[in-house]
Every structure is written in structure tokens, then in C-alpha cells.
Amino acid sequence: MSDADRDRLLPHAQDGIEEYDNPLPGWWVWIFWVTIVFSIGYWGYYQLGPGPSVVAVYEAEMKATAERQPKVVASAVTDASLAALEKDRDEPTLHLLLGNLYSQSGLPEQAHQSFDEARFLMGGKLRR
């Protein structure tokens, strides 16, 4: 590109400001076209081709998460234990039961709090 082409002013001016007609650098134009081609290929692979859909990825992640989480023992809560706990809400057994459920559900902070409360209700000291 010659200096005359590089310093060519465009025929319009706004508020006394004139604009040079500078082309974009070649590397920038190539990156622009490569991104367009890549996006078309990406769209085709995931929307039209064999790529996994967003729904399939979500369902796979939810299944893997469910498998990683420990199973909560359903037999830990019975009608008899709930009826006994309704009579006395400060019963330490309630907090021990909740602590066990929390620890089996993967909630260690809540489990520690429930175990501490049960220990306190049984006459012990709270751990902090």
C-alpha cells in the first residue's frame, strides 16, 4: 500500500473532523473470517449434527450429581418417632435424628449444629 493510499481522506467531514480511509490489518481480517467459519461449524455440530444438546448435558450432570450424593435412609423417620417428637420438641433425639439425616444428605454444617444442640440438651456443652 502506497503512502498516497494510506493518507487518503474520505470525502465527508463532521464538525470539521476529517476521517482517513485506513483499512483493517490483514491479521485482524483473517481472525474475523476464521471466527465466522468456526461459529458456523460449531452451530452445525451442536444444533444439526451429533453434538450433545443442552438438555442432554443437563440431564447427564443431574444424573451424575444424584449418584454422587449419599442416599438418605428413609426408614430413619417413622410415624412413631415423629409422634414421640411432637410431644417434646426439646427432645435430644430430634436433633440427633436431624443430624443423621443432614450428614447422610451431605450437609455437614447443619449436621454439626444438630449434634451440638442434642449434646447441649443432654446436659453437655456446646462445641463452637
Protein backbone atom coordinates (compact mmCIF):
# COMPACT_ATOMS: atom_id res chain seq x y z
CA MET A 1 0.00 0.00 0.00
CA SER A 2 1.45 3.32 -1.02
CA ASP A 3 1.62 6.37 1.20
CA ALA A 4 -0.90 8.13 -1.04
CA ASP A 5 -3.49 5.40 -0.46
CA ARG A 6 -2.77 5.29 3.26
CA ASP A 7 -3.23 9.03 3.72
CA ARG A 8 -6.36 9.33 1.60
CA LEU A 9 -9.09 11.37 3.30
CA LEU A 10 -12.70 10.33 2.97
CA PRO A 11 -14.94 12.88 1.25
CA HIS A 12 -17.08 13.56 4.33
CA ALA A 13 -16.36 15.72 7.36
CA GLN A 14 -18.37 16.18 10.54
CA ASP A 15 -17.84 19.22 12.76
CA GLY A 16 -14.60 19.95 10.97
CA ILE A 17 -13.23 16.47 11.65
CA GLU A 18 -11.97 14.57 8.63
CA GLU A 19 -11.51 10.80 8.51
CA TYR A 20 -8.72 8.79 6.94
CA ASP A 21 -9.60 5.67 4.97
CA ASN A 22 -7.42 3.19 6.84
CA PRO A 23 -8.03 -0.48 6.08
CA LEU A 24 -8.02 -3.02 8.88
CA PRO A 25 -4.82 -5.03 9.40
CA GLY A 26 -4.71 -8.29 7.48
CA TRP A 27 -4.34 -10.45 10.62
CA TRP A 28 -7.47 -8.88 12.06
CA VAL A 29 -9.49 -9.63 8.91
CA TRP A 30 -8.26 -13.25 8.91
CA ILE A 31 -9.23 -13.73 12.56
CA PHE A 32 -12.65 -12.26 11.79
CA TRP A 33 -13.28 -14.72 8.94
CA VAL A 34 -11.92 -17.68 10.92
CA THR A 35 -14.34 -16.90 13.78
CA ILE A 36 -17.26 -16.79 11.37
CA VAL A 37 -16.31 -20.15 9.85
CA PHE A 38 -15.74 -21.65 13.32
CA SER A 39 -19.12 -20.41 14.59
CA ILE A 40 -20.92 -21.94 11.60
CA GLY A 41 -19.17 -25.27 12.22
CA TYR A 42 -19.87 -25.09 15.97
CA TRP A 43 -23.55 -24.34 15.36
CA GLY A 44 -23.83 -27.15 12.83
CA TYR A 45 -22.15 -29.67 15.14
CA TYR A 46 -24.29 -28.91 18.20
CA GLN A 47 -27.59 -27.99 16.55
CA LEU A 48 -27.73 -30.20 13.47
CA GLY A 49 -25.02 -32.80 13.98
CA PRO A 50 -24.02 -35.39 16.57
CA GLY A 51 -23.07 -32.93 19.32
CA PRO A 52 -24.88 -33.24 22.65
CA SER A 53 -27.78 -30.87 23.19
CA VAL A 54 -28.01 -28.58 26.19
CA VAL A 55 -30.83 -30.71 27.59
CA ALA A 56 -28.78 -33.91 27.27
CA VAL A 57 -25.79 -32.32 29.03
CA TYR A 58 -28.06 -31.04 31.82
CA GLU A 59 -29.68 -34.44 32.32
CA ALA A 60 -26.28 -36.18 32.40
CA GLU A 61 -24.98 -33.73 35.01
CA MET A 62 -28.09 -34.15 37.17
CA LYS A 63 -27.77 -37.94 36.98
CA ALA A 64 -24.08 -37.81 37.95
CA THR A 65 -24.86 -35.45 40.85
CA ALA A 66 -27.64 -37.71 42.11
CA GLU A 67 -25.28 -40.70 42.03
CA ARG A 68 -22.59 -38.83 43.98
CA GLN A 69 -24.90 -37.74 46.78
CA PRO A 70 -25.38 -40.27 49.55
CA LYS A 71 -28.73 -41.94 49.80
CA VAL A 72 -30.93 -40.79 52.68
CA VAL A 73 -32.21 -43.66 54.74
CA ALA A 74 -35.99 -43.43 54.52
CA SER A 75 -36.51 -45.79 57.43
CA ALA A 76 -34.86 -43.34 59.86
CA VAL A 77 -38.10 -41.37 60.15
CA THR A 78 -41.11 -43.36 61.26
CA ASP A 79 -44.58 -42.32 62.37
CA ALA A 80 -43.84 -43.47 65.90
CA SER A 81 -40.68 -41.38 66.17
CA LEU A 82 -42.44 -38.33 64.78
CA ALA A 83 -45.33 -38.74 67.23
CA ALA A 84 -42.87 -39.01 70.13
CA LEU A 85 -41.01 -35.92 68.96
CA GLU A 86 -44.22 -33.89 68.68
CA LYS A 87 -44.76 -34.26 72.40
CA ASP A 88 -41.43 -32.71 73.36
CA ARG A 89 -39.66 -30.53 70.81
CA ASP A 90 -36.62 -30.13 73.04
CA GLU A 91 -36.08 -33.87 72.97
CA PRO A 92 -32.42 -34.50 72.04
CA THR A 93 -33.50 -37.42 69.85
CA LEU A 94 -34.97 -34.95 67.35
CA HIS A 95 -31.65 -33.19 66.97
CA LEU A 96 -29.76 -36.49 66.74
CA LEU A 97 -32.16 -37.64 64.04
CA LEU A 98 -31.80 -34.39 62.13
CA GLY A 99 -28.02 -34.57 62.49
CA ASN A 100 -28.00 -38.07 61.00
CA LEU A 101 -30.23 -37.00 58.13
CA TYR A 102 -28.10 -33.94 57.44
CA SER A 103 -24.87 -35.93 57.47
CA GLN A 104 -26.34 -38.56 55.13
CA SER A 105 -27.58 -35.82 52.83
CA GLY A 106 -24.12 -34.26 52.57
CA LEU A 107 -24.83 -31.21 54.76
CA PRO A 108 -22.02 -31.36 57.35
CA GLU A 109 -22.51 -27.85 58.79
CA GLN A 110 -26.17 -28.45 59.61
CA ALA A 111 -25.30 -31.91 60.99
CA HIS A 112 -22.74 -30.40 63.39
CA GLN A 113 -25.28 -27.84 64.57
CA SER A 114 -27.91 -30.52 65.22
CA PHE A 115 -25.45 -32.76 67.06
CA ASP A 116 -24.27 -29.81 69.17
CA GLU A 117 -27.85 -28.93 70.07
CA ALA A 118 -28.55 -32.56 71.07
CA ARG A 119 -25.40 -32.61 73.20
CA PHE A 120 -26.47 -29.38 74.89
CA LEU A 121 -29.97 -30.71 75.58
CA MET A 122 -28.49 -33.84 77.12
CA GLY A 123 -26.58 -31.66 79.62
CA GLY A 124 -23.31 -31.30 77.77
CA LYS A 125 -21.60 -28.17 76.49
CA LEU A 126 -21.93 -26.76 73.01
CA ARG A 127 -18.93 -27.00 70.73
CA ARG A 128 -18.13 -23.87 68.82
